[in-house]
Amino acid sequence: MDILYVTSEAAPFCKTGGLADVLGSLPPAVAAGGDRAAVILPLYGQVSDAWREKMRWHGYTYVDLAWRHEYCGLFSLEHRGVVWYFLDNERYFRRGALYGQMDDGERFAFFSKAVVSVLPMLEWRPEVIHCNDWQTALVPIYLKTVAENVSTVFTIHNIEYQGKYGADTVEDLFGLNRGDWYESGVLQMDGCVNLMKGAMVTADAVTTVSPTYAAQLRESAYAAGLDSVVRSIQWKFSGVLNGIDMVSYDPECDPDLPARYTAAESEGKTLCKAALQQELGLAQEEGTPVLSMVTRLVGHKGVDLVCQALDGIMATGCQLVVLGSGDGGYENFFRHAQNRYPGRLCAWIGYNEGLSRRIYAGSDLFLMPSKSEPCGLSQMIAMRYGAVPIVRQTGGLNDTVRSCQVGQPDGNGYVFAAYDAGAMLDTIGQAVGLYHGDAEGFRMVRRRGMEGDFSWDRSAGAYRNIYGKLLGR
């Protein structure tokens, strides 16, 4: 099969979050299974010169978007058995950030229309085009406007970000016939344009990133207003659990770590913990458990629970490390908390990839109290690096972390159900209690996590099955 993935970001070229990790790993896994895979994404200013020097120029075209007539260049390079195509338009993509621009609707409408426009310029014609999140939601619609005979898959990575715009944008911004695409109900939702809804209705198959999240999206509490749409497309909707890049995330050979280790030979993890404590200004205490969070500091990540329970968390005797950025109120809370708990709490506001890996490697426990979590990659990365996860039972956390609290022989972490600071604190207390009271039991839980298979092999196979069904194979 010939598969083209459309995404607004992909590691290692440009990244703001988990979407980039997924689109950096899934296509190579599909290609490794014998199918032909390519990815197409914007040529952002953030793509480094080192990558640009490897690119090949294919040519250019002009993209008509309503009254706009815009240049679009096409470049490509090969990496990990995949052809990566980049669409060039400096006015739209040479910006200070990938997202958060006032004209994001126009930028990604251009990108989606350009994907369709450059299909004749690609080295081979895709049989399936797999789109991801609202930034690519117009691709299935634009394909239908030109009667392009290709199957489409649309994946919801986070339903909270839908691409909502005023009704007048249908013609003026997106260049679509209002009667065909808005008045018909395809793009209309609650009196405005909803791009994600349009893709869900139009694509041949719709997926999300874990089986539990797929089930939750039928409920109004999780679907951010789109639960009725999800229920209406159940016949083509499924959940496929994400994986992680087991080669990149490997403590046995990760160059960002001060020492290497494996599940069987874990002495290097002790050295990583000591190095992390020194790097972050924490007390050099080998017997004190390090609890960490690598997260966006936003509400649905459960940060409010951590704020409510902070004094109780610190009373367990652990050290706390927080790496992330987001809501200014949360950022300031953790800055202040660091001053309150010198030597015991470090808040690193921002993001640093190398530091995140050293945090995973140097931590004993990893906290993810999410209110909602479509899949989550951090809990899998944490287990890979030997940090025992403490998670709320939701979304992909429910599909990857098995509770060890009542003695399950396959338990690889700690789980709590209620979205409640007290429930979270009780579970942290249980984990810290096992760390201090049963060193061998804690090592067993840690080892189960490190030996878990979180690779993309199974997930890539599930996607290949979806593609095959669409193509009648």
Protein backbone atom coordinates (compact mmCIF):
# COMPACT_ATOMS: atom_id res chain seq x y z
CA MET A 1 0.00 0.00 0.00
CA ASP A 2 1.05 3.60 -0.61
CA ILE A 3 0.32 5.86 2.36
CA LEU A 4 0.75 9.65 2.62
CA TYR A 5 0.62 11.15 6.12
CA VAL A 6 -0.36 14.81 6.46
CA THR A 7 0.68 16.58 9.65
CA SER A 8 1.43 20.02 11.01
CA GLU A 9 4.53 18.77 12.87
CA ALA A 10 6.80 15.73 13.00
CA ALA A 11 9.95 14.85 14.93
CA PRO A 12 12.82 15.29 14.41
CA PHE A 13 12.11 18.25 12.12
CA CYS A 14 9.74 20.38 14.21
CA LYS A 15 7.96 19.65 17.47
CA THR A 16 5.67 21.20 20.05
CA GLY A 17 4.22 18.03 21.58
CA GLY A 18 3.15 14.43 21.24
CA LEU A 19 1.73 14.85 17.72
CA ALA A 20 5.28 15.29 16.42
CA ASP A 21 6.45 12.15 18.22
CA VAL A 22 3.59 10.11 16.76
CA LEU A 23 4.11 11.33 13.19
CA GLY A 24 7.85 10.91 13.54
CA SER A 25 7.45 7.24 14.54
CA LEU A 26 4.31 5.78 12.92
CA PRO A 27 5.31 6.25 9.24
CA PRO A 28 8.72 4.54 9.69
CA ALA A 29 6.98 1.67 11.51
CA VAL A 30 4.48 1.28 8.64
CA ALA A 31 7.31 1.43 6.10
CA ALA A 32 9.22 -1.22 8.04
CA GLY A 33 6.22 -3.50 7.56
CA GLY A 34 6.63 -3.39 3.79
CA ASP A 35 4.29 -0.56 2.79
CA ARG A 36 5.40 2.66 1.12
CA ALA A 37 5.08 5.69 3.39
CA ALA A 38 5.60 9.40 2.94
CA VAL A 39 4.87 12.40 5.14
CA ILE A 40 4.04 15.95 4.09
CA LEU A 41 4.34 18.95 6.44
CA PRO A 42 5.06 22.69 6.33
CA LEU A 43 8.62 23.90 5.85
CA TYR A 44 8.71 25.98 9.02
CA GLY A 45 11.51 28.36 9.85
CA GLN A 46 12.22 26.03 12.77
CA VAL A 47 13.41 23.26 10.43
CA SER A 48 17.19 23.37 10.83
CA ASP A 49 19.75 24.10 8.15
CA ALA A 50 21.18 20.63 8.73
CA TRP A 51 17.93 19.13 7.42
CA ARG A 52 17.52 21.72 4.68
CA GLU A 53 20.93 20.83 3.26
CA LYS A 54 19.66 17.27 2.66
CA MET A 55 16.52 18.37 0.81
CA ARG A 56 15.83 17.97 -2.87
CA TRP A 57 13.90 20.60 -4.84
CA HIS A 58 10.90 19.30 -6.82
CA GLY A 59 9.43 22.51 -8.14
CA TYR A 60 6.62 24.88 -7.29
CA THR A 61 2.98 25.62 -7.97
CA TYR A 62 0.45 28.28 -7.03
CA VAL A 63 -2.39 27.54 -4.66
CA ASP A 64 -5.74 29.31 -5.00
CA LEU A 65 -7.47 29.84 -1.66
CA ALA A 66 -10.63 31.95 -2.07
CA TRP A 67 -9.28 35.21 -3.55
CA ARG A 68 -5.65 34.39 -2.64
CA HIS A 69 -3.10 33.12 -5.15
CA GLU A 70 -0.08 31.87 -3.19
CA TYR A 71 3.28 30.34 -4.10
CA CYS A 72 4.05 26.85 -2.79
CA GLY A 73 7.42 25.14 -3.19
CA LEU A 74 7.99 21.41 -2.73
CA PHE A 75 11.10 19.87 -1.18
CA SER A 76 11.83 16.36 0.07
CA LEU A 77 14.40 14.22 1.85
CA GLU A 78 14.63 10.56 2.86
CA HIS A 79 14.94 9.52 6.50
CA ARG A 80 14.29 6.17 8.21
CA GLY A 81 12.83 4.58 5.10
CA VAL A 82 10.27 7.36 4.59
CA VAL A 83 10.09 10.24 2.11
CA TRP A 84 9.42 13.50 3.95
CA TYR A 85 7.90 16.28 1.83
CA PHE A 86 8.00 19.92 2.91
CA LEU A 87 5.72 22.68 1.59
CA ASP A 88 7.41 26.05 1.37
CA ASN A 89 5.71 29.42 1.80
CA GLU A 90 7.69 31.81 3.96
CA ARG A 91 4.79 34.20 4.56
CA TYR A 92 2.80 31.45 6.25
CA PHE A 93 5.47 29.23 7.78
CA ARG A 94 8.56 31.30 8.62
CA ARG A 95 7.10 32.45 11.93
CA GLY A 96 8.26 32.64 15.52
CA ALA A 97 6.10 29.66 16.51
CA LEU A 98 4.34 26.78 14.80
CA TYR A 99 0.94 27.71 16.25
CA GLY A 100 -0.77 30.52 18.10
CA GLN A 101 -0.68 32.97 15.19
CA MET A 102 -3.68 35.19 14.52
CA ASP A 103 -4.07 33.77 11.01
CA ASP A 104 -3.72 30.06 11.89
CA GLY A 105 -6.99 29.33 10.10
CA GLU A 106 -5.65 30.80 6.88
CA ARG A 107 -2.21 29.24 7.30
CA PHE A 108 -3.49 25.69 7.69
CA ALA A 109 -6.22 26.10 5.09
CA PHE A 110 -3.41 27.02 2.70
CA PHE A 111 -1.41 24.00 3.86
CA SER A 112 -4.38 21.65 3.36
CA LYS A 113 -5.19 23.05 -0.09
CA ALA A 114 -1.51 22.89 -1.02
CA VAL A 115 -1.33 19.20 -0.10
CA VAL A 116 -4.04 18.49 -2.65
CA SER A 117 -2.43 20.80 -5.21
CA VAL A 118 1.00 19.12 -5.10
CA LEU A 119 -0.23 15.52 -5.39
CA PRO A 120 0.70 15.41 -9.12
CA MET A 121 4.23 16.53 -8.19
CA LEU A 122 4.91 13.64 -5.81
CA GLU A 123 7.07 10.72 -6.87
CA TRP A 124 4.15 8.30 -6.47
CA ARG A 125 0.41 8.68 -6.00
CA PRO A 126 -0.89 7.72 -2.56
CA GLU A 127 -3.73 5.25 -2.19
CA VAL A 128 -4.52 6.45 1.35
CA ILE A 129 -4.04 9.94 2.78
CA HIS A 130 -3.91 9.93 6.58
CA CYS A 131 -4.63 13.35 8.14
CA ASN A 132 -4.06 14.41 11.74
CA ASP A 133 -5.89 16.94 13.93
CA TRP A 134 -7.69 20.11 12.91
CA GLN A 135 -4.75 21.68 11.07
CA THR A 136 -5.19 19.06 8.32
CA ALA A 137 -8.97 18.63 8.60
CA LEU A 138 -9.69 20.40 5.31
CA VAL A 139 -7.69 17.89 3.27
CA PRO A 140 -10.53 15.33 2.95
CA ILE A 141 -12.90 18.16 1.95
CA TYR A 142 -10.57 19.70 -0.63
CA LEU A 143 -10.01 16.22 -2.10
CA LYS A 144 -13.73 15.89 -2.68
CA THR A 145 -13.93 19.29 -4.39
CA VAL A 146 -11.52 18.02 -7.06
CA ALA A 147 -12.98 14.48 -7.14
CA GLU A 148 -9.61 12.94 -6.24
CA ASN A 149 -10.04 9.17 -5.96
CA VAL A 150 -8.10 8.43 -2.80
CA SER A 151 -9.14 6.98 0.56
CA THR A 152 -8.81 9.19 3.63
CA VAL A 153 -8.20 8.57 7.32
CA PHE A 154 -8.52 11.29 9.95
CA THR A 155 -7.00 10.88 13.43
CA ILE A 156 -8.14 12.91 16.44
CA HIS A 157 -5.16 13.40 18.72
CA ASN A 158 -6.99 15.80 21.04
CA ILE A 159 -10.63 16.66 20.47
CA GLU A 160 -10.41 19.85 22.53
CA TYR A 161 -8.70 21.63 19.63
CA GLN A 162 -11.22 21.62 16.78
CA GLY A 163 -10.52 24.60 14.48
CA LYS A 164 -13.58 26.78 15.07
CA TYR A 165 -14.24 29.87 12.93
CA GLY A 166 -17.08 32.21 12.04
CA ALA A 167 -19.59 31.20 9.38
CA ASP A 168 -18.34 33.85 6.95
CA THR A 169 -14.96 32.09 6.67
CA VAL A 170 -16.43 29.27 4.55
CA GLU A 171 -16.20 31.27 1.32
CA ASP A 172 -13.86 34.15 2.16
CA LEU A 173 -11.17 32.19 3.99
CA PHE A 174 -11.51 28.56 2.95
CA GLY A 175 -12.81 29.13 -0.59
CA LEU A 176 -15.66 26.63 -0.26
CA ASN A 177 -19.26 26.84 -1.46
CA ARG A 178 -21.36 27.85 1.54
CA GLY A 179 -24.40 25.82 0.52
CA ASP A 180 -22.45 22.63 -0.18
CA TRP A 181 -20.24 22.65 2.90
CA TYR A 182 -21.85 24.83 5.58
CA GLU A 183 -25.60 24.95 5.06
CA SER A 184 -25.50 21.21 4.38
CA GLY A 185 -24.20 20.66 7.93
CA VAL A 186 -20.80 19.22 7.04
CA LEU A 187 -18.83 22.10 8.56
CA GLN A 188 -21.55 23.67 10.68
CA MET A 189 -21.55 23.05 14.44
CA ASP A 190 -23.24 25.24 17.04
CA GLY A 191 -23.51 28.20 14.67
CA CYS A 192 -19.90 28.25 13.51
CA VAL A 193 -17.46 26.46 11.24
CA ASN A 194 -15.91 23.42 12.88
CA LEU A 195 -13.08 21.98 10.79
CA MET A 196 -12.66 18.86 12.88
CA LYS A 197 -16.32 17.99 12.44
CA GLY A 198 -15.93 18.42 8.69
CA ALA A 199 -13.10 15.89 8.59
CA MET A 200 -14.94 13.44 10.85
CA VAL A 201 -17.98 13.52 8.57
CA THR A 202 -16.01 13.45 5.30
CA ALA A 203 -13.12 11.02 5.91
CA ASP A 204 -13.53 7.35 5.05
CA ALA A 205 -12.22 6.25 8.46
CA VAL A 206 -11.76 8.16 11.72
CA THR A 207 -9.49 7.07 14.55
CA THR A 208 -8.28 8.35 17.86
CA VAL A 209 -5.22 7.47 19.87
CA SER A 210 -6.42 4.91 22.41
CA PRO A 211 -9.35 2.50 22.81
CA THR A 212 -10.45 4.06 26.12
CA TYR A 213 -10.45 7.58 24.65
CA ALA A 214 -12.49 6.32 21.70
CA ALA A 215 -15.13 5.05 24.13
CA GLN A 216 -15.01 8.25 26.21
CA LEU A 217 -15.61 10.46 23.18
CA ARG A 218 -19.17 9.18 23.00
CA GLU A 219 -19.76 11.06 26.25
CA SER A 220 -20.33 14.81 26.56
CA ALA A 221 -17.86 15.04 29.47
CA TYR A 222 -14.94 14.21 27.17
CA ALA A 223 -15.96 15.13 23.61
CA ALA A 224 -15.91 18.94 23.90
CA GLY A 225 -19.28 19.26 22.19
CA LEU A 226 -18.69 16.67 19.45
CA ASP A 227 -20.14 13.60 21.20
CA SER A 228 -23.18 13.55 18.90
CA VAL A 229 -20.88 13.57 15.87
CA VAL A 230 -18.78 10.75 17.34
CA ARG A 231 -21.88 8.65 17.95
CA SER A 232 -23.07 9.26 14.39
CA ILE A 233 -19.85 7.86 12.87
CA GLN A 234 -19.35 4.80 15.09
CA TRP A 235 -19.38 2.57 12.02
CA LYS A 236 -16.08 4.06 10.86
CA PHE A 237 -14.57 5.13 14.23
CA SER A 238 -11.95 3.26 16.27
CA GLY A 239 -9.18 3.75 18.81
CA VAL A 240 -5.59 2.71 18.06
CA LEU A 241 -3.13 3.05 20.92
CA ASN A 242 -0.04 5.12 20.19
CA GLY A 243 3.44 3.78 20.73
CA ILE A 244 6.84 5.37 21.32
CA ASP A 245 10.12 5.18 19.45
CA MET A 246 11.85 2.40 21.40
CA VAL A 247 15.16 3.11 19.67
CA SER A 248 15.24 6.81 20.50
CA TYR A 249 13.88 6.32 24.01
CA ASP A 250 16.36 3.75 25.25
CA PRO A 251 18.30 4.28 28.50
CA GLU A 252 20.90 1.77 27.36
CA CYS A 253 22.19 4.10 24.64
CA ASP A 254 20.59 7.54 25.15
CA PRO A 255 23.36 10.13 24.61
CA ASP A 256 21.57 12.70 26.81
CA LEU A 257 22.07 10.60 29.95
CA PRO A 258 25.13 10.79 32.20
CA ALA A 259 25.06 6.99 32.61
CA ARG A 260 23.46 4.08 30.75
CA TYR A 261 21.42 1.26 32.21
CA THR A 262 18.95 -1.53 31.42
CA ALA A 263 16.15 -3.30 33.28
CA ALA A 264 18.56 -6.07 34.27
CA GLU A 265 21.55 -3.81 35.02
CA SER A 266 20.12 -0.72 36.70
CA GLU A 267 23.15 0.71 38.50
CA GLY A 268 23.36 3.51 35.96
CA LYS A 269 19.92 4.76 37.01
CA THR A 270 21.28 5.48 40.49
CA LEU A 271 24.01 7.59 38.88
CA CYS A 272 21.40 9.38 36.73
CA LYS A 273 19.41 10.22 39.85
CA ALA A 274 22.42 11.67 41.63
CA ALA A 275 23.36 13.69 38.53
CA LEU A 276 19.81 15.03 38.20
CA GLN A 277 19.71 16.10 41.84
CA GLN A 278 22.99 17.95 41.35
CA GLU A 279 21.89 19.53 38.06
CA LEU A 280 18.62 20.82 39.50
CA GLY A 281 19.91 21.89 42.91
CA LEU A 282 18.13 19.18 44.89
CA ALA A 283 19.55 17.66 48.06
CA GLN A 284 21.91 14.80 47.28
CA GLU A 285 19.89 12.09 48.98
CA GLU A 286 20.00 8.67 47.33
CA GLY A 287 17.28 7.25 49.56
CA THR A 288 14.76 10.03 48.86
CA PRO A 289 12.34 9.24 46.05
CA VAL A 290 12.26 11.72 43.17
CA LEU A 291 8.74 12.36 41.85
CA SER A 292 8.57 14.16 38.50
CA MET A 293 6.19 15.69 35.97
CA VAL A 294 7.04 16.54 32.36
CA THR A 295 3.89 18.21 31.15
CA ARG A 296 2.13 21.19 29.73
CA LEU A 297 0.96 23.31 32.65
CA VAL A 298 -2.71 23.42 31.65
CA GLY A 299 -5.95 22.44 33.34
CA HIS A 300 -6.73 19.12 31.65
CA LYS A 301 -3.32 17.76 32.66
CA GLY A 302 -4.47 17.72 36.30
CA VAL A 303 -2.09 20.46 37.38
CA ASP A 304 -4.80 21.95 39.60
CA LEU A 305 -4.79 18.74 41.66
CA VAL A 306 -1.05 19.05 42.18
CA CYS A 307 -1.45 22.66 43.28
CA GLN A 308 -4.16 21.70 45.77
CA ALA A 309 -2.15 18.80 47.20
CA LEU A 310 1.36 20.23 47.02
CA ASP A 311 1.99 20.46 50.76
CA GLY A 312 0.71 16.91 51.19
CA ILE A 313 2.94 15.68 48.38
CA MET A 314 5.97 17.25 49.97
CA ALA A 315 4.95 15.81 53.35
CA THR A 316 5.47 12.30 51.95
CA GLY A 317 9.18 13.08 52.00
CA CYS A 318 9.78 12.98 48.27
CA GLN A 319 11.54 15.49 46.06
CA LEU A 320 9.45 17.01 43.26
CA VAL A 321 10.62 18.02 39.76
CA VAL A 322 8.31 19.84 37.34
CA LEU A 323 9.31 20.54 33.74
CA GLY A 324 6.87 22.40 31.50
CA SER A 325 5.16 25.61 30.53
CA GLY A 326 1.63 26.77 29.87
CA ASP A 327 -0.83 28.76 31.93
CA GLY A 328 0.87 31.72 33.59
CA GLY A 329 -0.91 31.12 36.87
CA TYR A 330 0.46 27.59 37.12
CA GLU A 331 3.92 28.71 36.08
CA ASN A 332 3.98 31.30 38.86
CA PHE A 333 2.62 28.80 41.38
CA PHE A 334 5.51 26.43 40.80
CA ARG A 335 8.08 29.23 40.78
CA HIS A 336 6.81 30.26 44.20
CA ALA A 337 6.69 26.65 45.38
CA GLN A 338 10.35 26.21 44.47
CA ASN A 339 11.19 29.08 46.80
CA ARG A 340 9.09 27.51 49.57
CA TYR A 341 10.85 24.15 49.27
CA PRO A 342 14.51 24.88 48.50
CA GLY A 343 16.53 21.77 47.77
CA ARG A 344 13.37 19.66 47.57
CA LEU A 345 11.42 21.09 44.64
CA CYS A 346 12.63 22.25 41.24
CA ALA A 347 10.36 23.95 38.73
CA TRP A 348 11.98 24.30 35.27
CA ILE A 349 9.55 26.51 33.36
CA GLY A 350 9.92 25.87 29.64
CA TYR A 351 10.95 22.78 27.75
CA ASN A 352 14.27 21.10 27.07
CA GLU A 353 14.36 17.72 25.34
CA GLY A 354 17.67 16.59 26.83
CA LEU A 355 16.63 17.64 30.32
CA SER A 356 13.31 15.81 29.95
CA ARG A 357 15.18 12.58 29.26
CA ARG A 358 17.47 13.12 32.24
CA ILE A 359 14.37 13.70 34.39
CA TYR A 360 12.81 10.43 33.23
CA ALA A 361 16.08 8.62 33.92
CA GLY A 362 16.70 10.27 37.30
CA SER A 363 13.17 9.87 38.68
CA ASP A 364 11.78 7.07 40.79
CA LEU A 365 8.13 8.06 40.28
CA PHE A 366 6.31 9.90 37.50
CA LEU A 367 3.01 11.72 38.03
CA MET A 368 0.24 12.12 35.41
CA PRO A 369 -3.05 13.06 37.14
CA SER A 370 -4.76 14.07 33.90
CA LYS A 371 -8.41 15.06 33.78
CA SER A 372 -8.39 13.81 30.19
CA GLU A 373 -5.56 12.14 28.29
CA PRO A 374 -6.24 10.92 24.75
CA CYS A 375 -3.25 8.60 24.85
CA GLY A 376 -0.26 10.09 26.61
CA LEU A 377 3.30 9.25 25.71
CA SER A 378 5.03 10.43 28.86
CA GLN A 379 3.85 7.48 30.97
CA MET A 380 5.31 5.07 28.41
CA ILE A 381 8.58 6.98 28.20
CA ALA A 382 8.74 7.11 32.01
CA MET A 383 8.32 3.33 32.28
CA ARG A 384 10.94 2.80 29.57
CA TYR A 385 13.38 4.81 31.74
CA GLY A 386 12.38 3.10 35.00
CA ALA A 387 10.21 5.80 36.57
CA VAL A 388 7.11 4.14 38.03
CA PRO A 389 4.00 6.01 36.81
CA ILE A 390 1.21 7.32 39.04
CA VAL A 391 -1.74 8.07 36.77
CA ARG A 392 -5.43 8.80 36.77
CA GLN A 393 -7.57 6.11 35.15
CA THR A 394 -8.53 7.87 31.93
CA GLY A 395 -7.86 7.64 28.19
CA GLY A 396 -4.61 6.04 27.14
CA LEU A 397 -3.34 6.03 30.72
CA ASN A 398 -5.97 3.37 31.43
CA ASP A 399 -4.75 1.36 28.42
CA THR A 400 -1.05 1.39 29.33
CA VAL A 401 -0.67 1.49 33.14
CA ARG A 402 -1.75 -1.57 35.14
CA SER A 403 -2.31 -1.06 38.84
CA CYS A 404 0.02 -2.83 41.26
CA GLN A 405 -1.90 -1.66 44.34
CA VAL A 406 -3.73 -4.91 45.03
CA GLY A 407 -0.96 -7.26 44.08
CA GLN A 408 -1.60 -7.88 40.39
CA PRO A 409 1.31 -9.91 39.05
CA ASP A 410 1.57 -7.67 35.97
CA GLY A 411 1.24 -4.31 37.74
CA ASN A 412 3.56 -1.66 36.30
CA GLY A 413 2.34 1.48 38.09
CA TYR A 414 -0.19 3.17 40.36
CA VAL A 415 -3.70 4.16 39.32
CA PHE A 416 -6.46 6.26 40.89
CA ALA A 417 -9.94 6.79 39.48
CA ALA A 418 -11.56 9.88 40.98
CA TYR A 419 -10.48 13.30 39.74
CA ASP A 420 -9.74 14.39 43.28
CA ALA A 421 -6.64 15.76 45.00
CA GLY A 422 -7.17 13.48 47.98
CA ALA A 423 -7.36 10.35 45.82
CA MET A 424 -4.19 11.40 44.01
CA LEU A 425 -2.38 12.11 47.28
CA ASP A 426 -3.39 8.74 48.75
CA THR A 427 -1.96 6.99 45.69
CA ILE A 428 1.29 8.97 45.85
CA GLY A 429 1.53 7.91 49.49
CA GLN A 430 1.13 4.24 48.51
CA ALA A 431 3.88 4.53 45.91
CA VAL A 432 6.27 6.27 48.29
CA GLY A 433 5.39 3.66 50.91
CA LEU A 434 6.38 0.82 48.56
CA TYR A 435 9.61 2.64 47.68
CA HIS A 436 10.62 2.89 51.36
CA GLY A 437 9.02 -0.30 52.71
CA ASP A 438 9.59 -2.93 50.04
CA ALA A 439 12.64 -2.21 47.90
CA GLU A 440 12.42 -5.53 46.09
CA GLY A 441 8.71 -5.04 45.33
CA PHE A 442 9.42 -1.58 43.98
CA ARG A 443 12.21 -2.93 41.77
CA MET A 444 9.83 -5.54 40.37
CA VAL A 445 7.24 -2.91 39.43
CA ARG A 446 9.95 -0.75 37.89
CA ARG A 447 11.35 -3.68 35.91
CA ARG A 448 7.93 -4.61 34.50
CA GLY A 449 7.61 -1.10 33.14
CA MET A 450 11.09 -1.09 31.64
CA GLU A 451 10.48 -4.44 29.93
CA GLY A 452 7.10 -3.44 28.50
CA ASP A 453 6.63 -3.35 24.74
CA PHE A 454 5.51 0.17 23.84
CA SER A 455 6.80 -0.03 20.28
CA TRP A 456 4.81 1.03 17.23
CA ASP A 457 4.73 -2.50 15.78
CA ARG A 458 1.27 -3.43 17.08
CA SER A 459 -0.20 0.01 16.38
CA ALA A 460 1.27 0.12 12.88
CA GLY A 461 -0.33 -3.23 12.21
CA ALA A 462 -3.70 -1.92 13.36
CA TYR A 463 -3.39 1.05 11.00
CA ARG A 464 -2.37 -1.21 8.12
CA ASN A 465 -5.56 -3.19 8.74
CA ILE A 466 -7.61 0.01 8.52
CA TYR A 467 -5.88 1.04 5.30
CA GLY A 468 -6.35 -2.44 3.85
CA LYS A 469 -10.07 -2.48 4.57
CA LEU A 470 -10.50 0.88 2.85
CA LEU A 471 -8.71 -0.48 -0.21
CA GLY A 472 -10.54 -3.81 -0.17
CA ARG A 473 -7.46 -5.84 0.67
